[in-house]
Structures are given as C-alpha cells and as structure tokens.
Protein backbone atom coordinates (compact mmCIF):
# COMPACT_ATOMS: atom_id res chain seq x y z
CA MET A 1 64.61 105.82 43.45
CA LYS A 2 64.31 102.67 41.39
CA LEU A 3 67.38 101.75 39.35
CA ASN A 4 67.07 100.20 35.92
CA PHE A 5 69.03 97.14 34.90
CA ARG A 6 71.74 99.13 33.07
CA VAL A 7 72.55 101.37 36.07
CA THR A 8 72.38 98.42 38.49
CA TRP A 9 74.75 96.43 36.29
CA LEU A 10 77.22 99.36 36.02
CA LEU A 11 77.17 100.09 39.76
CA SER A 12 77.66 96.41 40.60
CA TYR A 13 80.60 96.20 38.21
CA LEU A 14 82.24 99.35 39.68
CA VAL A 15 81.75 98.07 43.24
CA ILE A 16 83.44 94.78 42.32
CA VAL A 17 86.37 96.52 40.57
CA ILE A 18 86.98 99.12 43.31
CA SER A 19 86.62 96.55 46.11
CA THR A 20 89.10 94.23 44.39
CA ILE A 21 91.67 97.02 43.91
CA VAL A 22 91.35 98.09 47.56
CA ILE A 23 91.74 94.48 48.75
CA ILE A 24 94.80 93.90 46.54
CA ASN A 25 96.34 97.21 47.62
CA THR A 26 95.90 96.53 51.34
CA TYR A 27 95.52 92.89 52.28
CA GLY A 28 97.30 91.68 49.13
CA ARG A 29 100.25 94.04 49.57
CA GLY A 30 100.63 92.96 53.21
CA LYS A 31 100.63 89.29 52.23
CA VAL A 32 103.21 89.91 49.47
CA TYR A 33 105.47 91.76 51.93
CA GLU A 34 105.16 88.92 54.47
CA LYS A 35 106.12 86.44 51.78
CA LEU A 36 109.12 88.53 50.64
CA TYR A 37 110.20 89.08 54.26
CA THR A 38 110.16 85.36 55.02
CA GLU A 39 112.08 84.61 51.83
CA LYS A 40 114.60 87.35 52.67
CA LYS A 41 115.24 85.88 56.13
CA ASP A 42 115.85 82.46 54.61
CA SER A 43 118.11 84.01 51.97
CA LEU A 44 120.17 85.93 54.56
CA TYR A 45 120.63 82.82 56.66
CA THR A 46 121.70 80.76 53.63
CA THR A 47 124.19 83.46 52.58
CA ALA A 48 125.66 83.66 56.10
CA GLU A 49 125.92 79.89 56.33
CA THR A 50 127.72 79.71 52.97
CA LEU A 51 130.16 82.47 53.93
CA ALA A 52 130.90 80.81 57.26
CA ASP A 53 131.62 77.47 55.64
CA GLU A 54 133.74 78.96 52.89
CA TYR A 55 135.77 81.65 54.69
CA PHE A 56 135.42 81.46 58.44
CA THR A 57 135.72 77.79 59.40
CA ASN A 58 138.04 77.58 62.43
CA LEU A 59 139.00 81.24 61.92
CA ASP A 60 139.78 83.14 65.13
CA LEU A 61 138.66 86.72 64.51
CA GLU A 62 140.56 87.96 67.56
CA SER A 63 143.94 86.55 66.33
CA GLU A 64 146.90 88.82 65.46
CA GLU A 65 146.62 87.66 61.84
CA MET A 66 143.08 89.05 61.57
CA LYS A 67 144.22 92.30 63.11
CA THR A 68 147.02 92.79 60.59
CA ASP A 69 145.90 91.09 57.35
CA THR A 70 142.25 91.40 56.27
CA HIS A 71 142.84 92.54 52.70
CA SER A 72 141.98 89.29 50.90
CA LEU A 73 138.95 88.61 53.05
CA ARG A 74 137.73 92.20 52.61
CA SER A 75 137.97 91.78 48.80
CA GLU A 76 135.89 88.60 48.91
CA LEU A 77 133.16 90.18 51.05
CA LYS A 78 133.08 93.27 48.82
CA SER A 79 132.57 91.03 45.78
CA VAL A 80 129.60 89.42 47.52
CA TYR A 81 128.23 92.90 48.38
CA VAL A 82 128.54 94.09 44.79
CA ALA A 83 126.84 90.94 43.49
CA THR A 84 124.00 90.72 46.04
CA LYS A 85 123.64 94.29 47.41
CA LEU A 86 123.77 92.71 50.87
CA ARG A 87 125.86 94.60 53.41
CA ILE A 88 128.15 92.23 55.30
CA TRP A 89 130.01 92.99 58.52
CA LEU A 90 132.60 90.73 60.08
CA VAL A 91 132.20 91.49 63.78
CA GLY A 92 134.50 90.45 66.63
CA ALA A 93 133.32 88.68 69.74
CA LYS A 94 133.13 92.00 71.65
CA GLY A 95 131.09 93.73 68.95
CA ARG A 96 133.79 95.60 66.99
CA ILE A 97 133.28 95.72 63.20
CA ILE A 98 136.45 94.19 61.73
CA ILE A 99 135.41 94.26 58.05
CA ASP A 100 132.62 96.27 56.36
CA SER A 101 131.94 95.06 52.82
CA ALA A 102 130.85 98.58 51.78
CA ASP A 103 134.35 100.10 51.43
CA GLY A 104 135.07 99.77 55.16
CA GLN A 105 132.69 102.61 56.07
CA PHE A 106 131.90 101.40 59.61
CA GLU A 107 135.11 99.44 60.40
CA GLY A 108 136.19 100.01 63.96
CA GLU A 109 132.67 100.85 65.18
CA ASN A 110 131.46 98.77 68.11
CA LEU A 111 127.87 97.56 67.79
CA SER A 112 127.58 97.15 71.55
CA ASP A 113 127.94 100.92 71.85
CA TYR A 114 124.67 101.32 69.89
CA ASP A 115 122.71 98.38 71.30
CA LYS A 116 124.05 96.06 73.99
CA THR A 117 121.60 93.26 73.05
CA PHE A 118 122.15 93.42 69.30
CA LEU A 119 124.40 90.34 69.06
CA LEU A 120 122.25 88.19 71.35
CA ASN A 121 119.48 87.38 68.84
CA GLN A 122 119.48 85.96 65.34
CA PHE A 123 117.17 88.45 63.56
CA TYR A 124 116.41 92.10 64.03
CA GLU A 125 114.14 94.41 62.14
CA GLY A 126 113.78 98.17 62.26
CA ASP A 127 115.98 100.96 63.55
CA LYS A 128 118.18 99.09 66.02
CA LEU A 129 121.21 100.87 64.61
CA LYS A 130 119.54 104.12 63.58
CA LYS A 131 122.66 106.09 64.48
CA LEU A 132 124.49 104.21 61.74
CA TYR A 133 121.66 104.06 59.17
CA ASN A 134 118.93 106.44 58.21
CA ASP A 135 116.47 103.76 57.02
CA ASP A 136 115.08 100.57 58.57
CA LYS A 137 116.96 97.35 58.02
CA ILE A 138 116.56 93.62 58.51
CA TYR A 139 119.63 92.10 60.21
CA LEU A 140 120.87 88.53 60.49
CA VAL A 141 123.42 87.78 63.23
CA TYR A 142 125.32 84.54 62.57
CA PRO A 143 127.85 83.46 65.20
CA ILE A 144 131.25 82.03 64.23
CA SER A 145 132.64 79.38 66.59
CA VAL A 146 136.20 78.18 67.10
CA ASN A 147 136.74 75.25 69.45
CA GLN A 148 133.13 75.58 70.67
CA LYS A 149 133.75 79.21 71.54
CA ILE A 150 132.24 82.19 69.74
CA SER A 151 135.07 84.08 68.10
CA GLY A 152 132.90 86.56 66.21
CA TYR A 153 129.81 87.15 64.10
CA ILE A 154 128.72 87.59 60.52
CA VAL A 155 126.12 90.36 60.36
CA ILE A 156 124.25 90.67 57.08
CA SER A 157 121.68 93.42 56.47
CA ASP A 158 119.29 94.45 53.76
CA SER A 159 116.98 97.43 53.36
CA ILE A 160 113.37 96.99 54.51
CA THR A 161 112.46 99.92 52.28
CA ARG A 162 113.68 97.93 49.31
CA LEU A 163 111.52 95.00 50.42
CA LYS A 164 108.50 97.28 50.75
CA ASN A 165 109.17 98.81 47.35
CA LYS A 166 109.44 95.35 45.87
CA ALA A 167 106.12 94.39 47.49
CA GLU A 168 104.57 97.56 46.05
CA ASP A 169 105.95 96.73 42.62
CA TYR A 170 104.45 93.24 42.76
CA THR A 171 101.15 94.67 43.98
CA ASP A 172 101.13 97.31 41.25
CA GLN A 173 101.75 94.61 38.66
CA MET A 174 98.82 92.62 40.04
CA ILE A 175 96.58 95.70 39.91
CA ILE A 176 97.65 96.46 36.33
CA SER A 177 96.99 92.84 35.34
CA PHE A 178 93.64 92.97 37.11
CA MET A 179 92.71 96.22 35.33
CA ILE A 180 93.60 94.71 31.95
CA ILE A 181 91.51 91.64 32.74
CA ASN A 182 88.70 93.91 33.91
CA LEU A 183 88.88 95.97 30.73
CA ILE A 184 88.57 92.82 28.65
CA THR A 185 85.79 91.58 30.93
CA ALA A 186 83.99 94.92 30.63
CA LEU A 187 84.12 94.77 26.83
CA VAL A 188 82.79 91.22 26.86
CA LEU A 189 80.04 92.16 29.34
CA VAL A 190 79.05 95.21 27.27
CA PHE A 191 78.85 92.99 24.21
CA LEU A 192 76.75 90.44 26.10
CA TYR A 193 74.60 93.22 27.58
CA PHE A 194 73.69 94.66 24.19
CA ARG A 195 73.24 91.16 22.83
CA PHE A 196 70.83 90.44 25.67
CA GLN A 197 69.13 93.83 25.28
CA LEU A 198 68.52 93.22 21.57
CA GLY A 199 66.81 89.92 22.41
CA LEU A 200 64.78 91.59 25.19
CA TYR A 201 63.80 94.44 22.87
CA ARG A 202 62.41 92.01 20.33
CA VAL A 203 60.61 90.00 23.00
CA THR A 204 59.10 93.22 24.41
CA ARG A 205 58.05 94.42 20.95
CA ILE A 206 56.39 91.09 20.18
CA ALA A 207 54.62 91.07 23.57
CA LYS A 208 53.26 94.57 22.86
CA GLU A 209 52.05 93.46 19.43
CA TYR A 210 50.30 90.48 21.02
CA ALA A 211 48.76 92.80 23.63
CA MET A 212 47.27 94.84 20.77
CA GLY A 213 45.85 91.69 19.22
CA HIS A 214 48.36 91.41 16.36
CA PHE A 215 49.01 87.70 16.71
CA ASP A 216 50.29 87.33 13.15
CA VAL A 217 53.29 89.64 13.73
CA ASP A 218 56.57 88.35 12.32
CA ILE A 219 59.10 87.65 15.07
CA GLY A 220 61.93 87.90 12.58
CA LYS A 221 65.31 86.26 12.60
CA ARG A 222 66.53 85.05 15.99
CA PRO A 223 69.52 87.21 17.02
CA TYR A 224 71.13 84.45 19.10
CA ASN A 225 70.60 80.85 19.98
CA ASP A 226 70.22 81.91 23.65
CA PHE A 227 66.74 83.21 22.83
CA SER A 228 65.65 80.28 20.67
CA GLU A 229 63.51 78.74 23.39
CA ILE A 230 61.90 82.09 24.25
CA TYR A 231 61.22 82.87 20.59
CA ASP A 232 59.77 79.41 20.00
CA SER A 233 57.55 79.91 23.05
CA LEU A 234 56.43 83.29 21.72
CA ASN A 235 55.70 81.78 18.33
CA TYR A 236 53.69 79.03 19.98
CA MET A 237 51.88 81.55 22.18
CA GLY A 238 51.12 83.75 19.15
CA LYS A 239 49.63 80.82 17.29
CA LYS A 240 47.60 79.82 20.32
CA PHE A 241 46.36 83.36 20.84
CA GLY A 242 45.56 83.56 17.15
CA ASN A 243 43.59 80.35 17.38
CA TYR A 244 41.84 81.61 20.51
CA SER A 245 41.01 84.86 18.76
CA GLU A 246 39.63 82.97 15.77
CA ALA A 247 37.76 80.60 18.10
CA GLN A 248 36.36 83.58 20.01
CA THR A 249 35.13 85.14 16.79
CA LYS A 250 33.50 81.88 15.75
CA PHE A 251 32.14 81.41 19.25
CA ILE A 252 30.44 84.80 19.18
CA ALA A 253 29.14 84.15 15.68
CA ASN A 254 27.74 80.76 16.74
CA VAL A 255 26.19 82.18 19.92
CA SER A 256 24.61 84.97 17.91
CA HIS A 257 23.34 82.50 15.31
CA ASP A 258 21.96 80.00 17.82
CA PHE A 259 20.35 82.68 19.98
CA ARG A 260 19.00 84.68 17.05
CA SER A 261 16.87 81.85 15.66
CA PRO A 262 14.70 81.22 18.76
CA LEU A 263 14.57 84.94 19.59
CA THR A 264 13.35 85.69 16.07
CA SER A 265 10.63 83.04 16.41
CA ILE A 266 9.54 84.33 19.82
CA LYS A 267 9.51 87.95 18.64
CA GLY A 268 7.72 87.15 15.38
CA TYR A 269 4.96 85.02 16.88
CA THR A 270 4.43 87.43 19.79
CA GLU A 271 4.06 90.43 17.45
CA ALA A 272 1.74 88.43 15.20
CA MET A 273 -0.54 87.62 18.14
CA LEU A 274 -0.51 91.22 19.33
CA ASP A 275 -1.34 92.78 15.96
CA GLY A 276 -4.05 90.20 15.19
CA THR A 277 -2.28 88.42 12.36
CA ILE A 278 -2.77 85.15 14.25
CA GLU A 279 -6.34 84.30 15.16
CA PRO A 280 -7.06 83.76 18.88
CA GLU A 281 -8.07 80.14 18.27
CA MET A 282 -4.45 79.51 17.05
CA TYR A 283 -2.80 81.04 20.15
CA ALA A 284 -2.31 77.67 21.86
CA LYS A 285 -0.31 76.29 18.93
CA TYR A 286 2.01 79.27 18.69
CA LEU A 287 2.38 79.64 22.45
CA GLU A 288 3.71 76.07 22.45
CA ILE A 289 6.27 77.12 19.83
CA ILE A 290 7.24 80.16 21.94
CA LEU A 291 7.55 77.92 25.02
CA PHE A 292 9.67 75.45 23.05
CA GLU A 293 12.03 78.21 21.88
CA THR A 294 12.17 79.69 25.39
CA ASN A 295 13.16 76.31 26.83
CA ARG A 296 15.78 76.02 24.11
CA LEU A 297 17.26 79.42 25.10
CA LYS A 298 17.22 78.40 28.76
CA LYS A 299 19.04 75.16 27.99
CA MET A 300 21.74 76.99 26.02
CA THR A 301 22.13 79.56 28.83
CA ASP A 302 22.36 76.83 31.48
CA ASN A 303 24.94 74.96 29.44
CA LEU A 304 27.01 78.14 28.96
CA LEU A 305 26.93 78.87 32.69
CA GLU A 306 27.94 75.29 33.47
CA LEU A 307 30.88 75.41 31.07
CA ASN A 308 31.92 78.79 32.45
CA ASN A 309 31.96 77.30 35.97
CA PHE A 310 34.02 74.36 34.69
CA GLU A 311 36.55 76.77 33.18
CA HIS A 312 36.96 78.96 36.26
CA ASP A 313 36.57 76.51 39.12
CA GLY A 314 37.26 73.22 37.37
CA VAL A 315 34.89 70.28 37.38
CA ASN A 316 34.31 69.21 40.96
CA VAL A 317 33.58 65.49 41.09
CA GLU A 318 32.08 63.80 44.13
CA LEU A 319 33.12 60.17 43.86
CA SER A 320 30.80 57.39 44.92
CA GLU A 321 30.32 53.71 44.08
CA PHE A 322 27.33 52.77 41.92
CA ASP A 323 26.15 50.30 39.29
CA ILE A 324 26.82 51.82 35.85
CA ASN A 325 24.42 49.32 34.22
CA GLU A 326 21.53 50.69 36.27
CA VAL A 327 22.46 54.30 35.37
CA VAL A 328 22.47 53.40 31.66
CA ARG A 329 19.03 51.67 31.98
CA MET A 330 17.47 54.64 33.79
CA SER A 331 18.98 57.19 31.39
CA ALA A 332 17.76 55.29 28.33
CA ALA A 333 14.25 55.02 29.81
CA THR A 334 13.90 58.80 29.99
CA PHE A 335 14.08 59.05 26.19
CA GLU A 336 11.28 56.56 25.53
CA ASN A 337 8.76 59.10 24.21
CA ARG A 338 11.25 60.78 21.87
CA CYS A 339 12.32 57.42 20.50
CA LYS A 340 8.68 56.44 19.80
CA LYS A 341 8.16 59.60 17.70
CA LYS A 342 11.09 58.67 15.42
CA LYS A 343 10.47 54.91 15.70
CA ILE A 344 13.95 54.41 17.16
CA SER A 345 14.77 51.44 19.37
CA ILE A 346 17.47 51.46 22.05
CA GLU A 347 19.38 48.19 22.38
CA LEU A 348 21.20 47.64 25.69
CA THR A 349 24.09 45.18 26.04
CA PHE A 350 25.90 44.47 29.33
CA SER A 351 28.93 42.20 29.74
CA ALA A 352 27.82 41.46 33.32
CA PRO A 353 24.51 41.79 35.19
CA LYS A 354 26.09 44.32 37.51
CA LEU A 355 29.20 46.50 37.13
CA MET A 356 30.26 48.79 39.97
CA VAL A 357 32.26 51.93 39.16
CA LYS A 358 33.73 54.79 41.19
CA ALA A 359 32.67 58.17 39.77
CA ASP A 360 30.35 61.14 40.22
CA LEU A 361 26.86 59.66 39.74
CA TYR A 362 25.09 62.90 38.77
CA LYS A 363 27.74 63.97 36.25
CA ILE A 364 28.01 60.53 34.64
CA GLU A 365 24.21 60.53 34.21
CA GLN A 366 24.66 63.88 32.49
CA VAL A 367 27.29 62.42 30.14
CA ILE A 368 25.13 59.41 29.20
CA GLN A 369 22.01 61.53 28.67
CA ASN A 370 23.91 64.00 26.46
CA LEU A 371 25.29 61.17 24.32
CA ILE A 372 21.85 59.48 23.97
CA ASP A 373 20.27 62.88 23.20
CA ASN A 374 22.81 63.43 20.42
CA ALA A 375 22.29 59.94 19.06
CA ILE A 376 18.50 60.45 18.82
CA LYS A 377 18.91 63.83 17.10
CA PHE A 378 21.12 62.49 14.35
CA SER A 379 19.58 59.03 13.90
CA ASN A 380 17.39 58.24 10.95
CA ASN A 381 13.78 57.22 11.54
CA ASN A 382 13.20 53.49 11.96
CA SER A 383 16.77 52.92 13.16
CA SER A 384 18.35 51.75 16.40
CA ILE A 385 20.78 53.04 19.01
CA ASP A 386 23.16 50.48 20.54
CA ILE A 387 24.39 51.10 24.08
CA SER A 388 26.87 48.66 25.58
CA VAL A 389 28.85 48.42 28.83
CA THR A 390 31.96 46.21 29.04
CA ASN A 391 34.62 45.64 31.67
CA GLN A 392 38.33 45.23 30.83
CA ARG A 393 41.28 45.43 33.24
CA ASN A 394 39.58 47.51 35.95
CA LYS A 395 38.02 49.80 33.36
CA ALA A 396 34.36 50.09 32.44
CA PHE A 397 33.76 51.15 28.82
CA VAL A 398 30.42 52.72 27.92
CA SER A 399 29.55 52.88 24.20
CA VAL A 400 26.67 54.82 22.60
CA LYS A 401 26.33 54.04 18.89
CA ASP A 402 23.76 55.41 16.43
CA HIS A 403 23.06 54.64 12.77
CA GLY A 404 22.58 58.20 11.59
CA ILE A 405 24.20 60.85 9.43
CA GLY A 406 27.72 60.45 10.88
CA ILE A 407 30.49 63.04 11.29
CA PRO A 408 33.03 63.95 8.56
CA LYS A 409 36.61 63.01 9.43
CA GLU A 410 37.84 66.62 9.24
CA SER A 411 35.22 67.68 11.81
CA GLN A 412 35.73 64.91 14.39
CA ALA A 413 38.48 66.75 16.31
CA ARG A 414 36.34 69.91 16.50
CA ILE A 415 33.06 68.50 17.77
CA TRP A 416 34.27 69.05 21.36
CA ASN A 417 34.45 72.82 20.79
CA ARG A 418 31.67 74.98 22.11
CA PHE A 419 28.85 75.73 19.65
CA TYR A 420 30.54 73.73 16.91
CA LYS A 421 28.18 71.96 14.53
CA THR A 422 29.10 70.06 11.41
CA ASP A 423 27.62 71.06 8.09
CA LEU A 424 25.74 67.74 7.97
CA SER A 425 24.08 68.42 11.33
CA ARG A 426 22.92 71.97 10.72
CA GLY A 427 19.89 70.98 8.76
CA LYS A 428 18.95 68.16 11.13
CA ASP A 429 19.77 69.51 14.63
CA LYS A 430 17.10 72.14 15.23
CA THR A 431 17.23 71.97 19.04
CA GLY A 432 20.93 71.46 19.74
CA SER A 433 23.10 74.20 21.22
CA GLY A 434 26.48 72.76 20.24
CA LEU A 435 27.50 72.67 23.93
CA GLY A 436 26.59 69.11 24.96
CA LEU A 437 29.77 67.41 23.78
CA ALA A 438 31.94 70.17 25.27
CA ILE A 439 30.33 69.45 28.66
CA VAL A 440 30.73 65.68 28.16
CA LYS A 441 34.47 66.01 27.48
CA GLU A 442 35.02 68.28 30.51
CA ILE A 443 33.27 65.82 32.85
CA VAL A 444 35.00 62.69 31.54
CA GLU A 445 38.47 64.30 31.69
CA ALA A 446 37.75 65.56 35.23
CA HIS A 447 37.49 61.88 36.20
CA GLY A 448 40.94 61.28 34.70
CA GLU A 449 39.37 59.26 31.87
CA LYS A 450 39.08 59.60 28.08
CA ILE A 451 36.30 59.77 25.53
CA ASN A 452 36.73 58.88 21.85
CA VAL A 453 34.57 59.07 18.74
CA ILE A 454 34.38 56.73 15.75
CA SER A 455 32.23 57.92 12.88
CA THR A 456 31.56 57.41 9.17
CA PRO A 457 29.32 59.86 7.24
CA GLY A 458 26.06 58.17 6.19
CA VAL A 459 26.73 55.14 8.44
CA GLY A 460 26.65 56.39 12.02
CA THR A 461 28.66 57.52 15.06
CA GLU A 462 29.93 55.76 18.17
CA PHE A 463 31.10 57.50 21.36
CA ILE A 464 33.11 55.46 23.89
CA PHE A 465 34.23 56.66 27.32
CA SER A 466 35.90 54.90 30.23
CA LEU A 467 35.43 54.80 34.02
CA THR A 468 37.29 53.11 36.86
CA SER A 469 35.55 49.85 37.73
CA LEU A 470 35.72 48.01 41.05
C-alpha cells in the first residue's frame, strides 16, 4: 500500500515522539539515577567528614564517658537527621550502635550480628541490613581514629527508593517538557504543512491548466515567498508555452499557405490538361510549371525533414580543415545563371589569398548557398551582391551583402523562425519556403559560432557569420 505525504509525515512524527519518550524513560532515567547516585555518595562522604571533624576528633567511642553521657551528641545528630533526612549511626569499634539519630531506634544493636563484613568497606548498596530495614539503602561507613587506632565508625544511610523516585521525577519532568515542546512543534509543523500544501495545490492547479492548453491562466497572488521562484518559473513556462502555441499556430498556417500555392497550381494545370482546356501544343509549358512547383514542394519537405532532424538529434558536425575562400568561390559560381537573368553581379573580396578554417565543409557550403540564394531573391535587377571574407583574432568572418528590399527592424529578430516571411518579401519571394535562415542559424550555432544581420528597408541586407580560423 502506497502512503501519501500526509500519512507518511504523521507516522514519521509519531515514531520520533514515541521513540524519544521510550529512550528518555529507559536510558535517560538510568543515566539520571547514576548521576544522582554518584552525587549522593559524594554528599554522604562530605557529611561524614564534616561530622567527624566537628564532633569526633580524638573522641574514644569506647570510653566510660561515651557509655554514660551521650545526650548532647545525640541531640546534635538528631538535628542533622531532621535537617537532612540522613540516618546517622555512631557505631563502636566492635559494631555496636551507640547513637541512632532517629530517636535511638536501633541503639544497642550490633551490626556484626547482621553482616560480619559490613564495617570493612566504605560503601554498601542494597539490603545488607534487611533485618533492620524493609527497603534498600545506600550506606557510607566512615572510620573514626584515635591515636592511629579505629575507635568507631560513622554510618550514614539514605533510601535508594527515594533516589529512584527522584530520578523518576526528573525523568517525568523531562518527558513533560518534551511533550510540550512536541506539541508546539506539531502546531508549527501543521501550519507549515498546510502552508506548503496550499502552494502545492496552486502549482498543481496551474500545471493542470497548462496541460489543457490554458497558458493564459492567472497564477494569482503568491501565498508565500518560499514559492516565489516556483511561481516565477511557472509564469515563465506559461509564457513560453503560450509563445510556442502561438508559434505552432502560425507555423501550421504558414505551412498550409506555402504548400497550398504550389498544390493549387499543380492541381489546376493538371485538371486543365485533362479536360482539354489547355491545348496539347501548350503541354510542355505547363508541365514545366508543374515540375517547378513539384521541385518547390520537395525542397520545402527536405528542409522540414532536415530541421526536424536538427531538433531531435542535434546538428552533427564533422570538423575538417579547408580553405573558406575556395568554398565561397565555388558556391558563388553555382548561381551564375540565376544572376545573369536578373543582371546581378557577385563581387568577391578576400583579406588573404587563402584562409584555412576548421568546420564542417558540407554544412558551411549549405550556409553560404542559402545566404547567396536569399540575396539573389531579394536583390533588385541590375544590382550587385558583395561577399567578403576577413580574418581577425583567429576568427574568419564571412559577409553576404545585397542591395535589395531590406528587412524591417521589427522583423529582424523573427527571420530565423521557420516559415517566417516579412511583409516586404511576400510579393517578391515566390520560391522561398521560409526555412533557409532557420537551417543557417542551426548550423552556425552547432559550430559554436554566431550569425548576425544588418538591414535597412529599401537599402539592402548583410548577413555575417564567424568560423574558427587556423
């Protein structure tokens, strides 16, 4: 069974709380008792040492005086018992209890009768004297010496049960404090949880709206600064998706428009030949038109397939070293017939007789041919196209400049989009597909280089791209 975030969070919290209480109640209680026990031993020893110094220095507990007059000493020890709740016995050298601070209850009893080894060690714990006491005790045995001879002992005891109860009290206080802290923590975490959930709910709602194509949905007021970056990203994504959606619509419209025109010509002329509207002696002329439009469709289809491959697989470039000047010469020569028809001259300018570059030869030929093809399309008759190659700081710059209709400033950033054509070019570019510059940009950027355009309507357009020179 899969657990949602809320149940997982609650279970994790309960596990932490219960585990902490169990640890405090077991390990923690044991450590508290150990600490109290150590402190109690030190306290008993200090008390015994103080009593010995104050009352029993050079006092022979076996003397006749001690046997007959213990009243004043008994009063002092009882005062200490009342103040500290510590039971104090003054014990003779043979183990007889001379004074019992608790109203003389065990005076006359001999400790050796209950445990022969009792007076031999400093500390005892447990039921050593269980015949005298019902509960466990901690005992301190402090010897009293007179003339380097033990004359008796001070035996001080305290209840272990009281120590354990004190340890339990401390532990209970820790648990109560922990529970209060946990209650406050739980309230804070619940607040943060719902705060987080509100942000997630809005993000989810917006994502669903985007999935349905509603890219103009209003995200609304940000609930918390924590989600600012996410909301900004969603806003940015929505705008991008909106632009993509708009671009897709325009793309389809442009494809439909550019495909419809040649298809209409092909269909119209074919039907006219079949139904006899066109005389047989005119077939050759109109078949040339059909062939021209067919080639135009093929070129657009090839370009679309090429761009689609670029988009999915990226532009694969096979680098080699070649003379860019020679590539420019050969590419320009292929347009000789088209230039003659429009009486256009191509002027070549090279900064050096030979300029070696490192690039993909086939794809750079494609770039240059696309740029020259565009320049011829949009050049006026009886004009010139200037192509130059220069070398600056290990970069070769290739420029193709025409003196044609130019590109409006507002359209210059969009000419790289697929199927985009400026209003000025629509009446002049009868054969273009609007894909050439998109392919050019993909190829140049795949080389890690840049291509720029400089254009003035009615004056002309210049394209400049760079390559790595050797």
